[in-house]
Amino acid sequence: MRLVPGNLYSVLHRLLQSGLIAESDRRPVAGQEDVRRRYYTLTGTGSKVLRAEGRRLKSLVELAEDRRLLGPEEAI
């Protein structure tokens, strides 16, 4: 997948609309704010969905390993 600005902003909009992320007021470096830049944080729901997706992907990798579709060194 090629990440271009149109894709990025579409995905951010969908994540915001679904309540998985929220815009954050926190800035990484005080005094270097750029009014155009936006920062986001995971919501509680977003964290739960992320953990569930991680478990789902892990189980797929384990299944592929069990079926010898890929070796342990390739699972990284």
PDB file of N, CA and C in Angstrom:
ATOM      1  N   MET A   1       0.852  -1.180   0.000  1.00  0.00           N
ATOM      2  CA  MET A   1       0.000   0.000   0.000  1.00  0.00           C
ATOM      3  C   MET A   1       0.888   1.231   0.000  1.00  0.00           C
ATOM      4  N   ARG A   2       0.595   2.119  -0.847  1.00  0.00           N
ATOM      5  CA  ARG A   2       1.346   3.369  -0.914  1.00  0.00           C
ATOM      6  C   ARG A   2       0.612   4.417  -0.078  1.00  0.00           C
ATOM      7  N   LEU A   3       1.339   5.006   0.867  1.00  0.00           N
ATOM      8  CA  LEU A   3       0.729   6.006   1.744  1.00  0.00           C
ATOM      9  C   LEU A   3       0.919   7.385   1.140  1.00  0.00           C
ATOM     10  N   VAL A   4      -0.163   7.987   0.740  1.00  0.00           N
ATOM     11  CA  VAL A   4      -0.156   9.344   0.186  1.00  0.00           C
ATOM     12  C   VAL A   4      -1.075  10.191   1.058  1.00  0.00           C
ATOM     13  N   PRO A   5      -0.928  11.510   1.024  1.00  0.00           N
ATOM     14  CA  PRO A   5      -1.726  12.360   1.926  1.00  0.00           C
ATOM     15  C   PRO A   5      -3.222  12.075   1.873  1.00  0.00           C
ATOM     16  N   GLY A   6      -3.778  11.846   0.708  1.00  0.00           N
ATOM     17  CA  GLY A   6      -5.211  11.575   0.611  1.00  0.00           C
ATOM     18  C   GLY A   6      -5.612  10.331   1.386  1.00  0.00           C
ATOM     19  N   ASN A   7      -4.781   9.273   1.290  1.00  0.00           N
ATOM     20  CA  ASN A   7      -5.062   8.045   2.035  1.00  0.00           C
ATOM     21  C   ASN A   7      -4.942   8.296   3.529  1.00  0.00           C
ATOM     22  N   LEU A   8      -3.883   8.963   3.934  1.00  0.00           N
ATOM     23  CA  LEU A   8      -3.628   9.208   5.351  1.00  0.00           C
ATOM     24  C   LEU A   8      -4.788   9.973   5.985  1.00  0.00           C
ATOM     25  N   TYR A   9      -5.213  11.037   5.348  1.00  0.00           N
ATOM     26  CA  TYR A   9      -6.275  11.847   5.935  1.00  0.00           C
ATOM     27  C   TYR A   9      -7.615  11.114   5.937  1.00  0.00           C
ATOM     28  N   SER A  10      -7.849  10.278   4.932  1.00  0.00           N
ATOM     29  CA  SER A  10      -9.073   9.461   4.916  1.00  0.00           C
ATOM     30  C   SER A  10      -9.075   8.478   6.076  1.00  0.00           C
ATOM     31  N   VAL A  11      -7.946   7.828   6.298  1.00  0.00           N
ATOM     32  CA  VAL A  11      -7.842   6.863   7.393  1.00  0.00           C
ATOM     33  C   VAL A  11      -7.989   7.571   8.737  1.00  0.00           C
ATOM     34  N   LEU A  12      -7.308   8.709   8.914  1.00  0.00           N
ATOM     35  CA  LEU A  12      -7.434   9.457  10.169  1.00  0.00           C
ATOM     36  C   LEU A  12      -8.888   9.858  10.409  1.00  0.00           C
ATOM     37  N   HIS A  13      -9.558  10.303   9.377  1.00  0.00           N
ATOM     38  CA  HIS A  13     -10.966  10.703   9.517  1.00  0.00           C
ATOM     39  C   HIS A  13     -11.821   9.515   9.958  1.00  0.00           C
ATOM     40  N   ARG A  14     -11.619   8.347   9.338  1.00  0.00           N
ATOM     41  CA  ARG A  14     -12.391   7.161   9.717  1.00  0.00           C
ATOM     42  C   ARG A  14     -12.090   6.743  11.152  1.00  0.00           C
ATOM     43  N   LEU A  15     -10.818   6.811  11.555  1.00  0.00           N
ATOM     44  CA  LEU A  15     -10.460   6.446  12.926  1.00  0.00           C
ATOM     45  C   LEU A  15     -11.093   7.406  13.931  1.00  0.00           C
ATOM     46  N   LEU A  16     -11.105   8.695  13.603  1.00  0.00           N
ATOM     47  CA  LEU A  16     -11.754   9.685  14.465  1.00  0.00           C
ATOM     48  C   LEU A  16     -13.254   9.428  14.553  1.00  0.00           C
ATOM     49  N   GLN A  17     -13.893   9.212  13.399  1.00  0.00           N
ATOM     50  CA  GLN A  17     -15.340   8.995  13.355  1.00  0.00           C
ATOM     51  C   GLN A  17     -15.746   7.741  14.120  1.00  0.00           C
ATOM     52  N   SER A  18     -14.877   6.719  14.106  1.00  0.00           N
ATOM     53  CA  SER A  18     -15.215   5.467  14.788  1.00  0.00           C
ATOM     54  C   SER A  18     -14.845   5.494  16.265  1.00  0.00           C
ATOM     55  N   GLY A  19     -14.210   6.581  16.703  1.00  0.00           N
ATOM     56  CA  GLY A  19     -13.876   6.716  18.115  1.00  0.00           C
ATOM     57  C   GLY A  19     -12.631   5.943  18.546  1.00  0.00           C
ATOM     58  N   LEU A  20     -11.814   5.530  17.581  1.00  0.00           N
ATOM     59  CA  LEU A  20     -10.607   4.776  17.923  1.00  0.00           C
ATOM     60  C   LEU A  20      -9.436   5.695  18.283  1.00  0.00           C
ATOM     61  N   ILE A  21      -9.453   6.914  17.758  1.00  0.00           N
ATOM     62  CA  ILE A  21      -8.446   7.916  18.109  1.00  0.00           C
ATOM     63  C   ILE A  21      -9.163   9.225  18.422  1.00  0.00           C
ATOM     64  N   ALA A  22      -8.435  10.119  19.081  1.00  0.00           N
ATOM     65  CA  ALA A  22      -8.955  11.457  19.376  1.00  0.00           C
ATOM     66  C   ALA A  22      -7.812  12.442  19.191  1.00  0.00           C
ATOM     67  N   GLU A  23      -8.145  13.647  18.803  1.00  0.00           N
ATOM     68  CA  GLU A  23      -7.108  14.670  18.673  1.00  0.00           C
ATOM     69  C   GLU A  23      -6.591  15.017  20.062  1.00  0.00           C
ATOM     70  N   SER A  24      -5.293  15.173  20.163  1.00  0.00           N
ATOM     71  CA  SER A  24      -4.650  15.432  21.446  1.00  0.00           C
ATOM     72  C   SER A  24      -4.145  16.867  21.510  1.00  0.00           C
ATOM     73  N   ASP A  25      -4.189  17.435  22.713  1.00  0.00           N
ATOM     74  CA  ASP A  25      -3.619  18.763  22.933  1.00  0.00           C
ATOM     75  C   ASP A  25      -2.133  18.683  23.273  1.00  0.00           C
ATOM     76  N   ARG A  26      -1.648  17.493  23.603  1.00  0.00           N
ATOM     77  CA  ARG A  26      -0.229  17.313  23.958  1.00  0.00           C
ATOM     78  C   ARG A  26       0.654  17.553  22.745  1.00  0.00           C
ATOM     79  N   ARG A  27       1.774  18.181  22.991  1.00  0.00           N
ATOM     80  CA  ARG A  27       2.754  18.436  21.939  1.00  0.00           C
ATOM     81  C   ARG A  27       4.089  17.870  22.392  1.00  0.00           C
ATOM     82  N   PRO A  28       4.874  17.297  21.465  1.00  0.00           N
ATOM     83  CA  PRO A  28       6.131  16.667  21.869  1.00  0.00           C
ATOM     84  C   PRO A  28       7.166  17.656  22.406  1.00  0.00           C
ATOM     85  N   VAL A  29       7.211  18.865  21.831  1.00  0.00           N
ATOM     86  CA  VAL A  29       8.194  19.864  22.262  1.00  0.00           C
ATOM     87  C   VAL A  29       7.480  21.191  22.462  1.00  0.00           C
ATOM     88  N   ALA A  30       7.470  21.666  23.685  1.00  0.00           N
ATOM     89  CA  ALA A  30       6.823  22.947  23.980  1.00  0.00           C
ATOM     90  C   ALA A  30       7.541  24.078  23.255  1.00  0.00           C
ATOM     91  N   GLY A  31       6.771  25.006  22.739  1.00  0.00           N
ATOM     92  CA  GLY A  31       7.348  26.174  22.080  1.00  0.00           C
ATOM     93  C   GLY A  31       7.630  25.972  20.606  1.00  0.00           C
ATOM     94  N   GLN A  32       7.435  24.754  20.100  1.00  0.00           N
ATOM     95  CA  GLN A  32       7.671  24.505  18.681  1.00  0.00           C
ATOM     96  C   GLN A  32       6.379  24.072  17.989  1.00  0.00           C
ATOM     97  N   GLU A  33       5.284  24.681  18.401  1.00  0.00           N
ATOM     98  CA  GLU A  33       3.998  24.312  17.843  1.00  0.00           C
ATOM     99  C   GLU A  33       3.871  24.792  16.404  1.00  0.00           C
ATOM    100  N   ASP A  34       3.265  23.981  15.608  1.00  0.00           N
ATOM    101  CA  ASP A  34       2.904  24.328  14.241  1.00  0.00           C
ATOM    102  C   ASP A  34       1.386  24.188  14.186  1.00  0.00           C
ATOM    103  N   VAL A  35       0.673  25.293  13.981  1.00  0.00           N
ATOM    104  CA  VAL A  35      -0.784  25.265  14.062  1.00  0.00           C
ATOM    105  C   VAL A  35      -1.405  24.314  13.040  1.00  0.00           C
ATOM    106  N   ARG A  36      -0.671  23.985  11.985  1.00  0.00           N
ATOM    107  CA  ARG A  36      -1.198  23.066  10.975  1.00  0.00           C
ATOM    108  C   ARG A  36      -1.077  21.609  11.399  1.00  0.00           C
ATOM    109  N   ARG A  37      -0.179  21.318  12.312  1.00  0.00           N
ATOM    110  CA  ARG A  37       0.085  19.937  12.714  1.00  0.00           C
ATOM    111  C   ARG A  37      -0.938  19.471  13.734  1.00  0.00           C
ATOM    112  N   ARG A  38      -1.399  18.241  13.563  1.00  0.00           N
ATOM    113  CA  ARG A  38      -2.351  17.637  14.479  1.00  0.00           C
ATOM    114  C   ARG A  38      -1.712  16.425  15.139  1.00  0.00           C
ATOM    115  N   TYR A  39      -2.053  16.202  16.380  1.00  0.00           N
ATOM    116  CA  TYR A  39      -1.555  15.044  17.124  1.00  0.00           C
ATOM    117  C   TYR A  39      -2.760  14.245  17.588  1.00  0.00           C
ATOM    118  N   TYR A  40      -2.593  12.944  17.582  1.00  0.00           N
ATOM    119  CA  TYR A  40      -3.700  12.059  17.934  1.00  0.00           C
ATOM    120  C   TYR A  40      -3.256  11.084  19.016  1.00  0.00           C
ATOM    121  N   THR A  41      -4.234  10.572  19.734  1.00  0.00           N
ATOM    122  CA  THR A  41      -3.987   9.576  20.765  1.00  0.00           C
ATOM    123  C   THR A  41      -5.037   8.482  20.642  1.00  0.00           C
ATOM    124  N   LEU A  42      -4.664   7.291  21.046  1.00  0.00           N
ATOM    125  CA  LEU A  42      -5.640   6.199  21.064  1.00  0.00           C
ATOM    126  C   LEU A  42      -6.659   6.447  22.170  1.00  0.00           C
ATOM    127  N   THR A  43      -7.883   6.131  21.893  1.00  0.00           N
ATOM    128  CA  THR A  43      -8.913   6.174  22.932  1.00  0.00           C
ATOM    129  C   THR A  43      -8.898   4.827  23.654  1.00  0.00           C
ATOM    130  N   GLY A  44      -9.681   4.711  24.703  1.00  0.00           N
ATOM    131  CA  GLY A  44      -9.802   3.428  25.392  1.00  0.00           C
ATOM    132  C   GLY A  44     -10.291   2.345  24.449  1.00  0.00           C
ATOM    133  N   THR A  45     -11.291   2.685  23.646  1.00  0.00           N
ATOM    134  CA  THR A  45     -11.807   1.734  22.663  1.00  0.00           C
ATOM    135  C   THR A  45     -10.738   1.396  21.632  1.00  0.00           C
ATOM    136  N   GLY A  46      -9.989   2.410  21.201  1.00  0.00           N
ATOM    137  CA  GLY A  46      -8.912   2.181  20.239  1.00  0.00           C
ATOM    138  C   GLY A  46      -7.866   1.221  20.777  1.00  0.00           C
ATOM    139  N   SER A  47      -7.536   1.352  22.052  1.00  0.00           N
ATOM    140  CA  SER A  47      -6.567   0.444  22.676  1.00  0.00           C
ATOM    141  C   SER A  47      -7.099  -0.986  22.705  1.00  0.00           C
ATOM    142  N   LYS A  48      -8.375  -1.144  23.022  1.00  0.00           N
ATOM    143  CA  LYS A  48      -8.974  -2.484  23.041  1.00  0.00           C
ATOM    144  C   LYS A  48      -8.970  -3.105  21.647  1.00  0.00           C
ATOM    145  N   VAL A  49      -9.326  -2.310  20.647  1.00  0.00           N
ATOM    146  CA  VAL A  49      -9.340  -2.806  19.270  1.00  0.00           C
ATOM    147  C   VAL A  49      -7.925  -3.151  18.818  1.00  0.00           C
ATOM    148  N   LEU A  50      -6.953  -2.334  19.179  1.00  0.00           N
ATOM    149  CA  LEU A  50      -5.560  -2.605  18.814  1.00  0.00           C
ATOM    150  C   LEU A  50      -5.084  -3.914  19.430  1.00  0.00           C
ATOM    151  N   ARG A  51      -5.385  -4.139  20.703  1.00  0.00           N
ATOM    152  CA  ARG A  51      -4.983  -5.392  21.362  1.00  0.00           C
ATOM    153  C   ARG A  51      -5.671  -6.591  20.710  1.00  0.00           C
ATOM    154  N   ALA A  52      -6.948  -6.455  20.398  1.00  0.00           N
ATOM    155  CA  ALA A  52      -7.682  -7.555  19.752  1.00  0.00           C
ATOM    156  C   ALA A  52      -7.094  -7.858  18.378  1.00  0.00           C
ATOM    157  N   GLU A  53      -6.766  -6.836  17.629  1.00  0.00           N
ATOM    158  CA  GLU A  53      -6.163  -7.038  16.307  1.00  0.00           C
ATOM    159  C   GLU A  53      -4.781  -7.672  16.432  1.00  0.00           C
ATOM    160  N   GLY A  54      -4.023  -7.282  17.428  1.00  0.00           N
ATOM    161  CA  GLY A  54      -2.714  -7.904  17.675  1.00  0.00           C
ATOM    162  C   GLY A  54      -2.857  -9.389  17.971  1.00  0.00           C
ATOM    163  N   ARG A  55      -3.849  -9.736  18.797  1.00  0.00           N
ATOM    164  CA  ARG A  55      -4.091 -11.156  19.099  1.00  0.00           C
ATOM    165  C   ARG A  55      -4.519 -11.916  17.846  1.00  0.00           C
ATOM    166  N   ARG A  56      -5.357 -11.294  17.038  1.00  0.00           N
ATOM    167  CA  ARG A  56      -5.820 -11.934  15.804  1.00  0.00           C
ATOM    168  C   ARG A  56      -4.648 -12.213  14.863  1.00  0.00           C
ATOM    169  N   LEU A  57      -3.786 -11.213  14.685  1.00  0.00           N
ATOM    170  CA  LEU A  57      -2.629 -11.388  13.804  1.00  0.00           C
ATOM    171  C   LEU A  57      -1.659 -12.429  14.352  1.00  0.00           C
ATOM    172  N   LYS A  58      -1.478 -12.420  15.671  1.00  0.00           N
ATOM    173  CA  LYS A  58      -0.596 -13.406  16.298  1.00  0.00           C
ATOM    174  C   LYS A  58      -1.117 -14.815  16.046  1.00  0.00           C
ATOM    175  N   SER A  59      -2.422 -15.000  16.169  1.00  0.00           N
ATOM    176  CA  SER A  59      -2.987 -16.340  15.955  1.00  0.00           C
ATOM    177  C   SER A  59      -2.820 -16.770  14.494  1.00  0.00           C
ATOM    178  N   LEU A  60      -2.902 -15.834  13.561  1.00  0.00           N
ATOM    179  CA  LEU A  60      -2.685 -16.170  12.155  1.00  0.00           C
ATOM    180  C   LEU A  60      -1.240 -16.603  11.905  1.00  0.00           C
ATOM    181  N   VAL A  61      -0.298 -15.907  12.526  1.00  0.00           N
ATOM    182  CA  VAL A  61       1.109 -16.282  12.380  1.00  0.00           C
ATOM    183  C   VAL A  61       1.339 -17.661  12.993  1.00  0.00           C
ATOM    184  N   GLU A  62       0.772 -17.903  14.172  1.00  0.00           N
ATOM    185  CA  GLU A  62       0.922 -19.205  14.819  1.00  0.00           C
ATOM    186  C   GLU A  62       0.329 -20.321  13.961  1.00  0.00           C
ATOM    187  N   LEU A  63      -0.821 -20.073  13.350  1.00  0.00           N
ATOM    188  CA  LEU A  63      -1.439 -21.052  12.467  1.00  0.00           C
ATOM    189  C   LEU A  63      -0.539 -21.337  11.261  1.00  0.00           C
ATOM    190  N   ALA A  64       0.019 -20.289  10.677  1.00  0.00           N
ATOM    191  CA  ALA A  64       0.923 -20.461   9.536  1.00  0.00           C
ATOM    192  C   ALA A  64       2.165 -21.244   9.944  1.00  0.00           C
ATOM    193  N   GLU A  65       2.681 -20.995  11.136  1.00  0.00           N
ATOM    194  CA  GLU A  65       3.836 -21.755  11.629  1.00  0.00           C
ATOM    195  C   GLU A  65       3.467 -23.221  11.857  1.00  0.00           C
ATOM    196  N   ASP A  66       2.312 -23.466  12.479  1.00  0.00           N
ATOM    197  CA  ASP A  66       1.863 -24.832  12.738  1.00  0.00           C
ATOM    198  C   ASP A  66       1.707 -25.622  11.445  1.00  0.00           C
ATOM    199  N   ARG A  67       1.269 -24.955  10.409  1.00  0.00           N
ATOM    200  CA  ARG A  67       1.081 -25.618   9.116  1.00  0.00           C
ATOM    201  C   ARG A  67       2.349 -25.585   8.267  1.00  0.00           C
ATOM    202  N   ARG A  68       3.425 -25.129   8.895  1.00  0.00           N
ATOM    203  CA  ARG A  68       4.743 -25.053   8.248  1.00  0.00           C
ATOM    204  C   ARG A  68       4.725 -24.200   6.970  1.00  0.00           C
ATOM    205  N   LEU A  69       3.904 -23.164   6.996  1.00  0.00           N
ATOM    206  CA  LEU A  69       3.858 -22.234   5.877  1.00  0.00           C
ATOM    207  C   LEU A  69       4.978 -21.204   5.980  1.00  0.00           C
ATOM    208  N   LEU A  70       5.475 -21.003   7.191  1.00  0.00           N
ATOM    209  CA  LEU A  70       6.649 -20.168   7.406  1.00  0.00           C
ATOM    210  C   LEU A  70       7.343 -20.636   8.667  1.00  0.00           C
ATOM    211  N   GLY A  71       8.627 -20.415   8.688  1.00  0.00           N
ATOM    212  CA  GLY A  71       9.419 -20.867   9.843  1.00  0.00           C
ATOM    213  C   GLY A  71       9.467 -19.801  10.917  1.00  0.00           C
ATOM    214  N   PRO A  72       9.929 -20.184  12.115  1.00  0.00           N
ATOM    215  CA  PRO A  72       9.999 -19.215  13.214  1.00  0.00           C
ATOM    216  C   PRO A  72      10.840 -17.983  12.886  1.00  0.00           C
ATOM    217  N   GLU A  73      11.911 -18.144  12.110  1.00  0.00           N
ATOM    218  CA  GLU A  73      12.751 -16.989  11.785  1.00  0.00           C
ATOM    219  C   GLU A  73      12.041 -16.016  10.865  1.00  0.00           C
ATOM    220  N   GLU A  74      11.013 -16.451  10.140  1.00  0.00           N
ATOM    221  CA  GLU A  74      10.277 -15.583   9.232  1.00  0.00           C
ATOM    222  C   GLU A  74       9.076 -14.931   9.903  1.00  0.00           C
ATOM    223  N   ALA A  75       8.781 -15.327  11.128  1.00  0.00           N
ATOM    224  CA  ALA A  75       7.592 -14.817  11.812  1.00  0.00           C
ATOM    225  C   ALA A  75       7.811 -13.440  12.410  1.00  0.00           C
ATOM    226  N   ILE A  76       9.005 -12.951  12.366  1.00  0.00           N
ATOM    227  CA  ILE A  76       9.315 -11.664  12.990  1.00  0.00           C
ATOM    228  C   ILE A  76       8.711 -10.522  12.213  1.00  0.00           C
TER     229      ILE A  76
END
